[in-house]
């Protein structure tokens, strides 16, 4: 239920409505879930950062596909290597994937 209420923030058409909905959601959650409301207020700049971009870019910003792709590539490369004798070797491999 809380997640669906929070999602309404992101379903707004423009920045003005997003900020208005954010205030309404945090006010509503402050009554029933004060800790969640406090977390949202603390995270507001990060949560609403996407609104600074044109609306046509919002879907790509919300997407986790790039992160999933990177994780899949790291998994594929670690499966090829098999065993890492040192943690530093794993970090080098992950770093090289991120640089690519």
PDB file of N, CA and C in Angstrom:
ATOM      1  N   UNK A   1       0.825  -1.186   0.000  1.00  0.00           N
ATOM      2  CA  UNK A   1       0.000   0.000   0.000  1.00  0.00           C
ATOM      3  C   UNK A   1       0.874   1.257   0.000  1.00  0.00           C
ATOM      4  N   UNK A   2       1.891   1.275   0.829  1.00  0.00           N
ATOM      5  CA  UNK A   2       2.781   2.438   0.907  1.00  0.00           C
ATOM      6  C   UNK A   2       3.498   2.647  -0.418  1.00  0.00           C
ATOM      7  N   UNK A   3       3.964   1.574  -1.015  1.00  0.00           N
ATOM      8  CA  UNK A   3       4.674   1.680  -2.293  1.00  0.00           C
ATOM      9  C   UNK A   3       3.769   2.244  -3.382  1.00  0.00           C
ATOM     10  N   UNK A   4       2.524   1.822  -3.415  1.00  0.00           N
ATOM     11  CA  UNK A   4       1.614   2.339  -4.437  1.00  0.00           C
ATOM     12  C   UNK A   4       1.319   3.821  -4.219  1.00  0.00           C
ATOM     13  N   UNK A   5       1.275   4.249  -2.979  1.00  0.00           N
ATOM     14  CA  UNK A   5       1.087   5.678  -2.690  1.00  0.00           C
ATOM     15  C   UNK A   5       2.303   6.466  -3.164  1.00  0.00           C
ATOM     16  N   UNK A   6       3.477   5.952  -2.900  1.00  0.00           N
ATOM     17  CA  UNK A   6       4.710   6.642  -3.319  1.00  0.00           C
ATOM     18  C   UNK A   6       4.804   6.703  -4.842  1.00  0.00           C
ATOM     19  N   UNK A   7       4.374   5.650  -5.530  1.00  0.00           N
ATOM     20  CA  UNK A   7       4.435   5.631  -6.996  1.00  0.00           C
ATOM     21  C   UNK A   7       3.614   6.743  -7.629  1.00  0.00           C
ATOM     22  N   UNK A   8       2.590   7.230  -6.931  1.00  0.00           N
ATOM     23  CA  UNK A   8       1.770   8.309  -7.494  1.00  0.00           C
ATOM     24  C   UNK A   8       2.590   9.575  -7.711  1.00  0.00           C
ATOM     25  N   UNK A   9       3.665   9.728  -6.963  1.00  0.00           N
ATOM     26  CA  UNK A   9       4.544  10.893  -7.144  1.00  0.00           C
ATOM     27  C   UNK A   9       5.129  10.881  -8.549  1.00  0.00           C
ATOM     28  N   UNK A  10       5.537   9.720  -9.008  1.00  0.00           N
ATOM     29  CA  UNK A  10       6.226   9.595 -10.285  1.00  0.00           C
ATOM     30  C   UNK A  10       5.277   9.548 -11.473  1.00  0.00           C
ATOM     31  N   UNK A  11       3.980   9.458 -11.222  1.00  0.00           N
ATOM     32  CA  UNK A  11       2.992   9.373 -12.303  1.00  0.00           C
ATOM     33  C   UNK A  11       2.466  10.748 -12.710  1.00  0.00           C
ATOM     34  N   UNK A  12       3.055  11.802 -12.211  1.00  0.00           N
ATOM     35  CA  UNK A  12       2.582  13.155 -12.492  1.00  0.00           C
ATOM     36  C   UNK A  12       3.177  13.665 -13.809  1.00  0.00           C
ATOM     37  N   UNK A  13       2.462  14.586 -14.475  1.00  0.00           N
ATOM     38  CA  UNK A  13       2.886  15.023 -15.809  1.00  0.00           C
ATOM     39  C   UNK A  13       4.011  16.053 -15.851  1.00  0.00           C
ATOM     40  N   UNK A  14       4.190  16.819 -14.779  1.00  0.00           N
ATOM     41  CA  UNK A  14       5.238  17.844 -14.808  1.00  0.00           C
ATOM     42  C   UNK A  14       5.782  18.080 -13.403  1.00  0.00           C
ATOM     43  N   UNK A  15       6.835  18.890 -13.339  1.00  0.00           N
ATOM     44  CA  UNK A  15       7.539  19.107 -12.074  1.00  0.00           C
ATOM     45  C   UNK A  15       6.642  19.707 -10.990  1.00  0.00           C
ATOM     46  N   UNK A  16       5.811  20.648 -11.374  1.00  0.00           N
ATOM     47  CA  UNK A  16       4.915  21.295 -10.404  1.00  0.00           C
ATOM     48  C   UNK A  16       3.990  20.280  -9.746  1.00  0.00           C
ATOM     49  N   UNK A  17       3.396  19.416 -10.550  1.00  0.00           N
ATOM     50  CA  UNK A  17       2.501  18.396  -9.999  1.00  0.00           C
ATOM     51  C   UNK A  17       3.266  17.347  -9.187  1.00  0.00           C
ATOM     52  N   UNK A  18       4.471  17.054  -9.609  1.00  0.00           N
ATOM     53  CA  UNK A  18       5.298  16.089  -8.869  1.00  0.00           C
ATOM     54  C   UNK A  18       5.569  16.602  -7.461  1.00  0.00           C
ATOM     55  N   UNK A  19       5.978  17.858  -7.363  1.00  0.00           N
ATOM     56  CA  UNK A  19       6.283  18.431  -6.049  1.00  0.00           C
ATOM     57  C   UNK A  19       5.030  18.530  -5.181  1.00  0.00           C
ATOM     58  N   UNK A  20       3.900  18.886  -5.792  1.00  0.00           N
ATOM     59  CA  UNK A  20       2.640  18.953  -5.046  1.00  0.00           C
ATOM     60  C   UNK A  20       2.259  17.566  -4.527  1.00  0.00           C
ATOM     61  N   UNK A  21       2.356  16.561  -5.395  1.00  0.00           N
ATOM     62  CA  UNK A  21       2.021  15.194  -4.988  1.00  0.00           C
ATOM     63  C   UNK A  21       2.985  14.698  -3.918  1.00  0.00           C
ATOM     64  N   UNK A  22       4.258  15.057  -4.018  1.00  0.00           N
ATOM     65  CA  UNK A  22       5.236  14.663  -3.005  1.00  0.00           C
ATOM     66  C   UNK A  22       4.815  15.203  -1.635  1.00  0.00           C
ATOM     67  N   UNK A  23       4.425  16.476  -1.597  1.00  0.00           N
ATOM     68  CA  UNK A  23       3.986  17.065  -0.327  1.00  0.00           C
ATOM     69  C   UNK A  23       2.746  16.360   0.219  1.00  0.00           C
ATOM     70  N   UNK A  24       1.792  16.047  -0.656  1.00  0.00           N
ATOM     71  CA  UNK A  24       0.574  15.354  -0.215  1.00  0.00           C
ATOM     72  C   UNK A  24       0.890  13.949   0.310  1.00  0.00           C
ATOM     73  N   UNK A  25       1.760  13.247  -0.392  1.00  0.00           N
ATOM     74  CA  UNK A  25       2.116  11.887   0.021  1.00  0.00           C
ATOM     75  C   UNK A  25       2.838  11.902   1.365  1.00  0.00           C
ATOM     76  N   UNK A  26       3.795  12.804   1.520  1.00  0.00           N
ATOM     77  CA  UNK A  26       4.524  12.840   2.791  1.00  0.00           C
ATOM     78  C   UNK A  26       3.615  13.261   3.941  1.00  0.00           C
ATOM     79  N   UNK A  27       2.683  14.161   3.676  1.00  0.00           N
ATOM     80  CA  UNK A  27       1.726  14.561   4.718  1.00  0.00           C
ATOM     81  C   UNK A  27       0.848  13.378   5.109  1.00  0.00           C
ATOM     82  N   UNK A  28       0.357  12.646   4.119  1.00  0.00           N
ATOM     83  CA  UNK A  28      -0.499  11.500   4.383  1.00  0.00           C
ATOM     84  C   UNK A  28       0.264  10.401   5.130  1.00  0.00           C
ATOM     85  N   UNK A  29       1.498  10.125   4.706  1.00  0.00           N
ATOM     86  CA  UNK A  29       2.272   9.075   5.351  1.00  0.00           C
ATOM     87  C   UNK A  29       2.769   9.474   6.739  1.00  0.00           C
ATOM     88  N   UNK A  30       2.885  10.762   6.994  1.00  0.00           N
ATOM     89  CA  UNK A  30       3.353  11.217   8.308  1.00  0.00           C
ATOM     90  C   UNK A  30       2.400  10.770   9.416  1.00  0.00           C
ATOM     91  N   UNK A  31       1.127  10.650   9.076  1.00  0.00           N
ATOM     92  CA  UNK A  31       0.141  10.217  10.079  1.00  0.00           C
ATOM     93  C   UNK A  31       0.269   8.734  10.403  1.00  0.00           C
ATOM     94  N   UNK A  32       0.390   7.909   9.349  1.00  0.00           N
ATOM     95  CA  UNK A  32       0.378   6.460   9.564  1.00  0.00           C
ATOM     96  C   UNK A  32       1.772   5.829   9.608  1.00  0.00           C
ATOM     97  N   UNK A  33       2.722   6.411   8.874  1.00  0.00           N
ATOM     98  CA  UNK A  33       4.080   5.871   8.792  1.00  0.00           C
ATOM     99  C   UNK A  33       5.097   7.009   8.901  1.00  0.00           C
ATOM    100  N   UNK A  34       5.270   7.567  10.079  1.00  0.00           N
ATOM    101  CA  UNK A  34       6.134   8.748  10.215  1.00  0.00           C
ATOM    102  C   UNK A  34       7.595   8.506   9.815  1.00  0.00           C
ATOM    103  N   UNK A  35       8.108   7.310  10.038  1.00  0.00           N
ATOM    104  CA  UNK A  35       9.498   7.043   9.664  1.00  0.00           C
ATOM    105  C   UNK A  35       9.664   7.047   8.140  1.00  0.00           C
ATOM    106  N   UNK A  36       8.695   6.480   7.439  1.00  0.00           N
ATOM    107  CA  UNK A  36       8.739   6.475   5.973  1.00  0.00           C
ATOM    108  C   UNK A  36       8.655   7.905   5.451  1.00  0.00           C
ATOM    109  N   UNK A  37       7.764   8.699   6.027  1.00  0.00           N
ATOM    110  CA  UNK A  37       7.623  10.095   5.611  1.00  0.00           C
ATOM    111  C   UNK A  37       8.921  10.862   5.840  1.00  0.00           C
ATOM    112  N   UNK A  38       9.561  10.623   6.966  1.00  0.00           N
ATOM    113  CA  UNK A  38      10.825  11.299   7.262  1.00  0.00           C
ATOM    114  C   UNK A  38      11.912  10.886   6.267  1.00  0.00           C
ATOM    115  N   UNK A  39      11.959   9.598   5.928  1.00  0.00           N
ATOM    116  CA  UNK A  39      12.934   9.130   4.933  1.00  0.00           C
ATOM    117  C   UNK A  39      12.690   9.786   3.582  1.00  0.00           C
ATOM    118  N   UNK A  40      11.434   9.900   3.188  1.00  0.00           N
ATOM    119  CA  UNK A  40      11.119  10.534   1.910  1.00  0.00           C
ATOM    120  C   UNK A  40      11.536  11.997   1.897  1.00  0.00           C
ATOM    121  N   UNK A  41      11.257  12.699   2.976  1.00  0.00           N
ATOM    122  CA  UNK A  41      11.631  14.115   3.055  1.00  0.00           C
ATOM    123  C   UNK A  41      13.150  14.264   2.985  1.00  0.00           C
ATOM    124  N   UNK A  42      13.878  13.403   3.683  1.00  0.00           N
ATOM    125  CA  UNK A  42      15.348  13.449   3.640  1.00  0.00           C
ATOM    126  C   UNK A  42      15.878  13.164   2.234  1.00  0.00           C
ATOM    127  N   UNK A  43      15.194  12.282   1.521  1.00  0.00           N
ATOM    128  CA  UNK A  43      15.659  11.871   0.190  1.00  0.00           C
ATOM    129  C   UNK A  43      15.046  12.692  -0.940  1.00  0.00           C
ATOM    130  N   UNK A  44      14.270  13.693  -0.609  1.00  0.00           N
ATOM    131  CA  UNK A  44      13.553  14.452  -1.637  1.00  0.00           C
ATOM    132  C   UNK A  44      14.446  14.955  -2.782  1.00  0.00           C
ATOM    133  N   UNK A  45      15.586  15.583  -2.509  1.00  0.00           N
ATOM    134  CA  UNK A  45      16.402  16.061  -3.636  1.00  0.00           C
ATOM    135  C   UNK A  45      16.815  14.942  -4.597  1.00  0.00           C
ATOM    136  N   UNK A  46      17.137  13.783  -4.061  1.00  0.00           N
ATOM    137  CA  UNK A  46      17.532  12.655  -4.904  1.00  0.00           C
ATOM    138  C   UNK A  46      16.335  12.016  -5.601  1.00  0.00           C
ATOM    139  N   UNK A  47      15.224  11.898  -4.887  1.00  0.00           N
ATOM    140  CA  UNK A  47      14.039  11.281  -5.463  1.00  0.00           C
ATOM    141  C   UNK A  47      13.462  12.094  -6.618  1.00  0.00           C
ATOM    142  N   UNK A  48      13.513  13.399  -6.484  1.00  0.00           N
ATOM    143  CA  UNK A  48      12.882  14.262  -7.483  1.00  0.00           C
ATOM    144  C   UNK A  48      13.880  14.852  -8.473  1.00  0.00           C
ATOM    145  N   UNK A  49      15.102  14.392  -8.458  1.00  0.00           N
ATOM    146  CA  UNK A  49      16.133  14.925  -9.359  1.00  0.00           C
ATOM    147  C   UNK A  49      15.761  14.722 -10.826  1.00  0.00           C
ATOM    148  N   UNK A  50      15.055  13.642 -11.128  1.00  0.00           N
ATOM    149  CA  UNK A  50      14.672  13.372 -12.513  1.00  0.00           C
ATOM    150  C   UNK A  50      13.802  14.471 -13.093  1.00  0.00           C
ATOM    151  N   UNK A  51      13.068  15.189 -12.254  1.00  0.00           N
ATOM    152  CA  UNK A  51      12.136  16.211 -12.725  1.00  0.00           C
ATOM    153  C   UNK A  51      12.844  17.410 -13.341  1.00  0.00           C
ATOM    154  N   UNK A  52      14.143  17.543 -13.121  1.00  0.00           N
ATOM    155  CA  UNK A  52      14.902  18.645 -13.714  1.00  0.00           C
ATOM    156  C   UNK A  52      15.146  18.409 -15.207  1.00  0.00           C
ATOM    157  N   UNK A  53      14.963  17.172 -15.660  1.00  0.00           N
ATOM    158  CA  UNK A  53      15.160  16.837 -17.063  1.00  0.00           C
ATOM    159  C   UNK A  53      13.835  16.944 -17.820  1.00  0.00           C
ATOM    160  N   UNK A  54      13.879  17.033 -19.130  1.00  0.00           N
ATOM    161  CA  UNK A  54      12.635  17.050 -19.904  1.00  0.00           C
ATOM    162  C   UNK A  54      11.847  15.754 -19.689  1.00  0.00           C
ATOM    163  N   UNK A  55      10.531  15.833 -19.659  1.00  0.00           N
ATOM    164  CA  UNK A  55       9.701  14.636 -19.403  1.00  0.00           C
ATOM    165  C   UNK A  55       9.977  13.468 -20.347  1.00  0.00           C
ATOM    166  N   UNK A  56      10.412  13.737 -21.562  1.00  0.00           N
ATOM    167  CA  UNK A  56      10.661  12.632 -22.500  1.00  0.00           C
ATOM    168  C   UNK A  56      11.832  11.753 -22.060  1.00  0.00           C
ATOM    169  N   UNK A  57      12.683  12.260 -21.168  1.00  0.00           N
ATOM    170  CA  UNK A  57      13.827  11.488 -20.678  1.00  0.00           C
ATOM    171  C   UNK A  57      13.531  10.736 -19.378  1.00  0.00           C
ATOM    172  N   UNK A  58      12.411  11.009 -18.750  1.00  0.00           N
ATOM    173  CA  UNK A  58      12.118  10.438 -17.435  1.00  0.00           C
ATOM    174  C   UNK A  58      12.130   8.922 -17.453  1.00  0.00           C
ATOM    175  N   UNK A  59      11.558   8.302 -18.470  1.00  0.00           N
ATOM    176  CA  UNK A  59      11.477   6.840 -18.501  1.00  0.00           C
ATOM    177  C   UNK A  59      12.866   6.211 -18.503  1.00  0.00           C
ATOM    178  N   UNK A  60      13.792   6.794 -19.255  1.00  0.00           N
ATOM    179  CA  UNK A  60      15.155   6.250 -19.290  1.00  0.00           C
ATOM    180  C   UNK A  60      15.859   6.454 -17.947  1.00  0.00           C
ATOM    181  N   UNK A  61      15.585   7.568 -17.282  1.00  0.00           N
ATOM    182  CA  UNK A  61      16.202   7.840 -15.987  1.00  0.00           C
ATOM    183  C   UNK A  61      15.701   6.842 -14.946  1.00  0.00           C
ATOM    184  N   UNK A  62      14.408   6.533 -14.985  1.00  0.00           N
ATOM    185  CA  UNK A  62      13.841   5.592 -14.015  1.00  0.00           C
ATOM    186  C   UNK A  62      14.316   4.174 -14.240  1.00  0.00           C
ATOM    187  N   UNK A  63      14.652   3.843 -15.473  1.00  0.00           N
ATOM    188  CA  UNK A  63      14.973   2.464 -15.834  1.00  0.00           C
ATOM    189  C   UNK A  63      16.223   1.965 -15.107  1.00  0.00           C
ATOM    190  N   UNK A  64      16.174   0.709 -14.711  1.00  0.00           N
ATOM    191  CA  UNK A  64      17.339   0.072 -14.110  1.00  0.00           C
ATOM    192  C   UNK A  64      18.043  -0.837 -15.114  1.00  0.00           C
ATOM    193  N   UNK A  65      17.625  -0.760 -16.381  1.00  0.00           N
ATOM    194  CA  UNK A  65      18.217  -1.633 -17.403  1.00  0.00           C
ATOM    195  C   UNK A  65      19.727  -1.481 -17.524  1.00  0.00           C
ATOM    196  N   UNK A  66      20.287  -0.254 -17.534  1.00  0.00           N
ATOM    197  CA  UNK A  66      21.749  -0.153 -17.617  1.00  0.00           C
ATOM    198  C   UNK A  66      22.454  -0.843 -16.446  1.00  0.00           C
ATOM    199  N   UNK A  67      21.910  -0.702 -15.254  1.00  0.00           N
ATOM    200  CA  UNK A  67      22.499  -1.355 -14.088  1.00  0.00           C
ATOM    201  C   UNK A  67      22.404  -2.872 -14.206  1.00  0.00           C
ATOM    202  N   UNK A  68      21.269  -3.362 -14.663  1.00  0.00           N
ATOM    203  CA  UNK A  68      21.108  -4.809 -14.857  1.00  0.00           C
ATOM    204  C   UNK A  68      22.094  -5.324 -15.896  1.00  0.00           C
ATOM    205  N   UNK A  69      22.299  -4.554 -16.952  1.00  0.00           N
ATOM    206  CA  UNK A  69      23.219  -4.965 -18.005  1.00  0.00           C
ATOM    207  C   UNK A  69      24.644  -5.076 -17.473  1.00  0.00           C
ATOM    208  N   UNK A  70      25.069  -4.096 -16.667  1.00  0.00           N
ATOM    209  CA  UNK A  70      26.413  -4.122 -16.084  1.00  0.00           C
ATOM    210  C   UNK A  70      26.570  -5.323 -15.157  1.00  0.00           C
ATOM    211  N   UNK A  71      25.579  -5.546 -14.309  1.00  0.00           N
ATOM    212  CA  UNK A  71      25.649  -6.693 -13.390  1.00  0.00           C
ATOM    213  C   UNK A  71      25.700  -8.017 -14.140  1.00  0.00           C
ATOM    214  N   UNK A  72      24.944  -8.126 -15.233  1.00  0.00           N
ATOM    215  CA  UNK A  72      24.946  -9.351 -16.030  1.00  0.00           C
ATOM    216  C   UNK A  72      26.320  -9.573 -16.671  1.00  0.00           C
ATOM    217  N   UNK A  73      26.944  -8.493 -17.145  1.00  0.00           N
ATOM    218  CA  UNK A  73      28.264  -8.622 -17.762  1.00  0.00           C
ATOM    219  C   UNK A  73      29.318  -9.007 -16.724  1.00  0.00           C
ATOM    220  N   UNK A  74      29.245  -8.438 -15.526  1.00  0.00           N
ATOM    221  CA  UNK A  74      30.182  -8.814 -14.456  1.00  0.00           C
ATOM    222  C   UNK A  74      30.000 -10.287 -14.108  1.00  0.00           C
ATOM    223  N   UNK A  75      28.757 -10.728 -14.004  1.00  0.00           N
ATOM    224  CA  UNK A  75      28.495 -12.139 -13.703  1.00  0.00           C
ATOM    225  C   UNK A  75      29.048 -13.045 -14.799  1.00  0.00           C
ATOM    226  N   UNK A  76      28.833 -12.656 -16.050  1.00  0.00           N
ATOM    227  CA  UNK A  76      29.330 -13.469 -17.163  1.00  0.00           C
ATOM    228  C   UNK A  76      30.851 -13.601 -17.109  1.00  0.00           C
ATOM    229  N   UNK A  77      31.532 -12.484 -16.862  1.00  0.00           N
ATOM    230  CA  UNK A  77      33.002 -12.509 -16.833  1.00  0.00           C
ATOM    231  C   UNK A  77      33.534 -13.266 -15.611  1.00  0.00           C
ATOM    232  N   UNK A  78      32.868 -13.144 -14.473  1.00  0.00           N
ATOM    233  CA  UNK A  78      33.333 -13.887 -13.294  1.00  0.00           C
ATOM    234  C   UNK A  78      33.101 -15.377 -13.460  1.00  0.00           C
ATOM    235  N   UNK A  79      32.033 -15.768 -14.176  1.00  0.00           N
ATOM    236  CA  UNK A  79      31.798 -17.188 -14.443  1.00  0.00           C
ATOM    237  C   UNK A  79      32.907 -17.764 -15.327  1.00  0.00           C
ATOM    238  N   UNK A  80      33.417 -16.961 -16.245  1.00  0.00           N
ATOM    239  CA  UNK A  80      34.496 -17.409 -17.121  1.00  0.00           C
ATOM    240  C   UNK A  80      35.768 -17.654 -16.313  1.00  0.00           C
ATOM    241  N   UNK A  81      36.070 -16.716 -15.404  1.00  0.00           N
ATOM    242  CA  UNK A  81      37.293 -16.833 -14.600  1.00  0.00           C
ATOM    243  C   UNK A  81      37.155 -17.969 -13.591  1.00  0.00           C
ATOM    244  N   UNK A  82      36.012 -18.051 -12.958  1.00  0.00           N
ATOM    245  CA  UNK A  82      35.782 -19.136 -12.005  1.00  0.00           C
ATOM    246  C   UNK A  82      36.090 -18.742 -10.577  1.00  0.00           C
ATOM    247  N   UNK A  83      37.353 -18.794 -10.185  1.00  0.00           N
ATOM    248  CA  UNK A  83      37.744 -18.539  -8.797  1.00  0.00           C
ATOM    249  C   UNK A  83      38.728 -17.371  -8.771  1.00  0.00           C
ATOM    250  N   UNK A  84      38.506 -16.464  -7.861  1.00  0.00           N
ATOM    251  CA  UNK A  84      39.421 -15.341  -7.667  1.00  0.00           C
ATOM    252  C   UNK A  84      40.203 -15.597  -6.386  1.00  0.00           C
ATOM    253  N   UNK A  85      41.510 -15.659  -6.505  1.00  0.00           N
ATOM    254  CA  UNK A  85      42.348 -15.933  -5.341  1.00  0.00           C
ATOM    255  C   UNK A  85      42.429 -14.722  -4.420  1.00  0.00           C
ATOM    256  N   UNK A  86      42.305 -13.535  -4.997  1.00  0.00           N
ATOM    257  CA  UNK A  86      42.368 -12.311  -4.196  1.00  0.00           C
ATOM    258  C   UNK A  86      41.178 -11.433  -4.539  1.00  0.00           C
ATOM    259  N   UNK A  87      40.680 -10.749  -3.523  1.00  0.00           N
ATOM    260  CA  UNK A  87      39.543  -9.848  -3.739  1.00  0.00           C
ATOM    261  C   UNK A  87      39.898  -8.721  -4.695  1.00  0.00           C
ATOM    262  N   UNK A  88      41.158  -8.313  -4.689  1.00  0.00           N
ATOM    263  CA  UNK A  88      41.593  -7.236  -5.574  1.00  0.00           C
ATOM    264  C   UNK A  88      41.414  -7.615  -7.046  1.00  0.00           C
ATOM    265  N   UNK A  89      41.571  -8.883  -7.368  1.00  0.00           N
ATOM    266  CA  UNK A  89      41.399  -9.329  -8.754  1.00  0.00           C
ATOM    267  C   UNK A  89      39.942  -9.168  -9.191  1.00  0.00           C
ATOM    268  N   UNK A  90      39.031  -9.492  -8.316  1.00  0.00           N
ATOM    269  CA  UNK A  90      37.612  -9.313  -8.607  1.00  0.00           C
ATOM    270  C   UNK A  90      37.282  -7.838  -8.796  1.00  0.00           C
ATOM    271  N   UNK A  91      37.839  -7.000  -7.937  1.00  0.00           N
ATOM    272  CA  UNK A  91      37.608  -5.561  -8.067  1.00  0.00           C
ATOM    273  C   UNK A  91      38.161  -5.017  -9.380  1.00  0.00           C
ATOM    274  N   UNK A  92      39.331  -5.504  -9.798  1.00  0.00           N
ATOM    275  CA  UNK A  92      39.890  -5.078 -11.084  1.00  0.00           C
ATOM    276  C   UNK A  92      38.986  -5.486 -12.237  1.00  0.00           C
ATOM    277  N   UNK A  93      38.458  -6.690 -12.189  1.00  0.00           N
ATOM    278  CA  UNK A  93      37.560  -7.166 -13.242  1.00  0.00           C
ATOM    279  C   UNK A  93      36.293  -6.314 -13.283  1.00  0.00           C
ATOM    280  N   UNK A  94      35.684  -6.092 -12.135  1.00  0.00           N
ATOM    281  CA  UNK A  94      34.468  -5.266 -12.094  1.00  0.00           C
ATOM    282  C   UNK A  94      34.765  -3.845 -12.554  1.00  0.00           C
ATOM    283  N   UNK A  95      35.896  -3.321 -12.158  1.00  0.00           N
ATOM    284  CA  UNK A  95      36.282  -1.975 -12.586  1.00  0.00           C
ATOM    285  C   UNK A  95      36.468  -1.881 -14.087  1.00  0.00           C
ATOM    286  N   UNK A  96      37.073  -2.912 -14.663  1.00  0.00           N
ATOM    287  CA  UNK A  96      37.255  -2.886 -16.116  1.00  0.00           C
ATOM    288  C   UNK A  96      35.925  -2.954 -16.857  1.00  0.00           C
ATOM    289  N   UNK A  97      34.973  -3.683 -16.319  1.00  0.00           N
ATOM    290  CA  UNK A  97      33.632  -3.733 -16.936  1.00  0.00           C
ATOM    291  C   UNK A  97      32.980  -2.368 -16.862  1.00  0.00           C
ATOM    292  N   UNK A  98      33.117  -1.695 -15.728  1.00  0.00           N
ATOM    293  CA  UNK A  98      32.519  -0.370 -15.575  1.00  0.00           C
ATOM    294  C   UNK A  98      33.167   0.648 -16.498  1.00  0.00           C
ATOM    295  N   UNK A  99      34.476   0.528 -16.694  1.00  0.00           N
ATOM    296  CA  UNK A  99      35.177   1.455 -17.588  1.00  0.00           C
ATOM    297  C   UNK A  99      34.745   1.231 -19.032  1.00  0.00           C
ATOM    298  N   UNK A 100      34.560  -0.055 -19.406  1.00  0.00           N
ATOM    299  CA  UNK A 100      34.116  -0.359 -20.772  1.00  0.00           C
ATOM    300  C   UNK A 100      32.743   0.208 -20.988  1.00  0.00           C
TER     301      UNK A 100
END
